[in-house]
Protein backbone atom coordinates (compact mmCIF):
# COMPACT_ATOMS: atom_id res chain seq x y z
CA UNK A 1 -0.02 0.01 -0.06
CA UNK A 2 1.43 3.25 -0.90
CA UNK A 3 0.90 6.43 0.98
CA UNK A 4 1.70 9.65 -0.54
CA UNK A 5 3.45 12.24 1.66
CA UNK A 6 2.46 15.60 1.65
CA UNK A 7 5.15 18.25 0.10
CA UNK A 8 6.61 20.87 2.22
CA UNK A 9 3.91 23.61 2.65
CA UNK A 10 4.71 27.30 1.99
CA UNK A 11 4.82 27.85 5.82
CA UNK A 12 7.09 25.13 6.48
CA UNK A 13 9.09 26.75 3.95
CA UNK A 14 9.16 29.76 5.38
CA UNK A 15 9.75 28.84 8.89
CA UNK A 16 13.07 26.98 7.29
CA UNK A 17 14.07 29.71 5.25
CA UNK A 18 13.62 32.31 8.55
CA UNK A 19 15.99 30.01 10.48
CA UNK A 20 18.34 29.88 7.94
CA UNK A 21 18.36 33.96 7.41
CA UNK A 22 18.95 33.84 11.26
CA UNK A 23 21.95 31.38 11.31
CA UNK A 24 23.57 32.81 8.38
CA UNK A 25 22.66 36.44 8.61
CA UNK A 26 21.77 36.51 4.78
CA UNK A 27 18.55 34.67 2.56
CA UNK A 28 19.40 31.01 2.04
CA UNK A 29 16.08 29.54 0.28
CA UNK A 30 15.84 25.86 0.70
CA UNK A 31 15.12 23.94 -2.35
CA UNK A 32 12.85 21.49 -3.06
CA UNK A 33 13.77 17.88 -3.73
CA UNK A 34 12.69 14.62 -3.02
CA UNK A 35 14.90 11.53 -0.93
CA UNK A 36 14.54 7.96 -1.09
CA UNK A 37 14.35 6.65 2.38
CA UNK A 38 14.46 3.46 4.05
CA UNK A 39 11.90 4.06 7.02
CA UNK A 40 12.11 0.57 8.07
CA UNK A 41 15.59 -0.79 8.78
CA UNK A 42 14.47 -4.15 8.47
CA UNK A 43 13.14 -3.82 4.77
CA UNK A 44 14.74 -2.84 1.45
CA UNK A 45 11.84 -0.75 0.66
CA UNK A 46 12.83 2.84 -0.20
CA UNK A 47 9.89 5.51 0.38
CA UNK A 48 9.91 8.88 -1.67
CA UNK A 49 9.89 11.51 0.75
CA UNK A 50 9.57 15.57 0.17
CA UNK A 51 13.05 17.24 1.03
CA UNK A 52 14.29 20.60 2.06
CA UNK A 53 17.89 21.00 0.50
CA UNK A 54 20.57 24.20 0.99
CA UNK A 55 23.97 24.16 0.71
CA UNK A 56 25.89 27.10 2.40
CA UNK A 57 29.61 27.37 3.14
CA UNK A 58 30.61 23.85 1.88
CA UNK A 59 27.81 21.74 3.73
CA UNK A 60 24.82 20.27 2.37
CA UNK A 61 21.66 20.00 4.55
CA UNK A 62 18.39 17.83 3.94
CA UNK A 63 15.38 17.95 5.79
CA UNK A 64 12.74 15.28 4.86
CA UNK A 65 9.06 15.03 5.43
CA UNK A 66 8.33 11.34 6.43
CA UNK A 67 5.24 9.70 7.41
CA UNK A 68 3.15 10.32 10.35
CA UNK A 69 3.95 14.01 10.57
CA UNK A 70 7.51 13.19 11.19
CA UNK A 71 11.01 14.69 10.22
CA UNK A 72 14.45 13.38 9.40
CA UNK A 73 17.54 15.50 9.03
CA UNK A 74 21.20 15.19 8.35
CA UNK A 75 24.01 17.41 6.84
CA UNK A 76 26.94 16.15 4.78
CA UNK A 77 30.02 17.32 2.90
CA UNK A 78 30.79 14.36 0.39
CA UNK A 79 28.76 11.06 -0.20
CA UNK A 80 30.98 9.38 2.27
CA UNK A 81 30.84 12.25 5.04
CA UNK A 82 27.23 12.27 6.63
CA UNK A 83 26.38 13.41 9.83
CA UNK A 84 22.98 13.28 11.93
CA UNK A 85 21.80 14.70 15.13
CA UNK A 86 21.50 11.66 17.23
CA UNK A 87 17.88 11.56 16.87
CA UNK A 88 16.04 9.68 13.98
CA UNK A 89 12.85 11.74 13.98
CA UNK A 90 11.37 15.16 15.10
CA UNK A 91 7.79 15.85 15.00
CA UNK A 92 8.41 19.37 14.99
CA UNK A 93 9.94 20.68 12.12
CA UNK A 94 11.56 24.00 13.98
CA UNK A 95 13.18 21.51 16.37
CA UNK A 96 14.70 19.49 13.58
CA UNK A 97 15.89 22.30 11.47
CA UNK A 98 17.18 24.08 14.55
CA UNK A 99 19.00 20.77 15.97
CA UNK A 100 20.62 20.35 12.63
CA UNK A 101 21.93 23.71 12.28
CA UNK A 102 23.28 23.61 15.67
CA UNK A 103 25.37 20.26 15.16
CA UNK A 104 26.41 21.49 11.95
CA UNK A 105 27.60 24.49 13.47
CA UNK A 106 29.18 22.57 16.59
CA UNK A 107 30.99 20.04 13.89
CA UNK A 108 32.35 23.37 12.01
CA UNK A 109 33.86 24.63 15.29
CA UNK A 110 35.38 21.56 16.22
CA UNK A 111 36.92 20.93 12.86
CA UNK A 112 38.32 24.36 13.35
CA UNK A 113 39.21 23.39 16.95
CA UNK A 114 37.01 25.89 18.79
CA UNK A 115 34.22 25.10 21.32
CA UNK A 116 30.84 26.17 20.69
CA UNK A 117 29.67 25.84 24.18
CA UNK A 118 26.45 23.89 22.75
CA UNK A 119 25.60 21.74 25.58
CA UNK A 120 22.83 18.78 25.36
CA UNK A 121 20.32 20.61 27.67
CA UNK A 122 20.49 23.56 25.16
CA UNK A 123 19.28 21.41 22.40
CA UNK A 124 16.95 19.02 24.40
CA UNK A 125 15.58 20.49 27.56
CA UNK A 126 12.61 18.20 27.67
CA UNK A 127 14.55 14.77 27.38
CA UNK A 128 16.85 16.34 30.25
CA UNK A 129 19.79 16.51 27.70
CA UNK A 130 20.96 12.97 27.55
CA UNK A 131 20.35 12.48 23.91
CA UNK A 132 23.02 15.01 22.39
CA UNK A 133 26.63 13.44 21.64
CA UNK A 134 27.65 15.96 18.73
CA UNK A 135 27.68 15.37 15.31
CA UNK A 136 26.90 11.79 14.77
CA UNK A 137 28.33 9.96 11.34
CA UNK A 138 25.43 8.14 9.62
């Protein structure tokens, strides 16, 4: 049975664009794309998922809309150099995009040998902050 996942709405695009403007200090428009994701690790089946994609400063970002009103995200530099936030799904687009941007900023600073001061509790206050461990290779 095939379930179509609705595209990102204009409101969702605007939300992500505003977050990117805040992060980079200039307009960055996410592009609409599609990603084929394996939603069930036990299955080889791929699902076509609406995706927002942007690529400032050498990094590439994707936020994918998956079934049940959830979102997944990652950033990467090359085909072999992918990173996640340590959390598979988010039920809030704002939280998903912010976590992705923060983890990538932390990775960027770590790569330059600078500590960002980001703590687990600043990313996930509702979870007690125990699930943030910096950028995770995916």
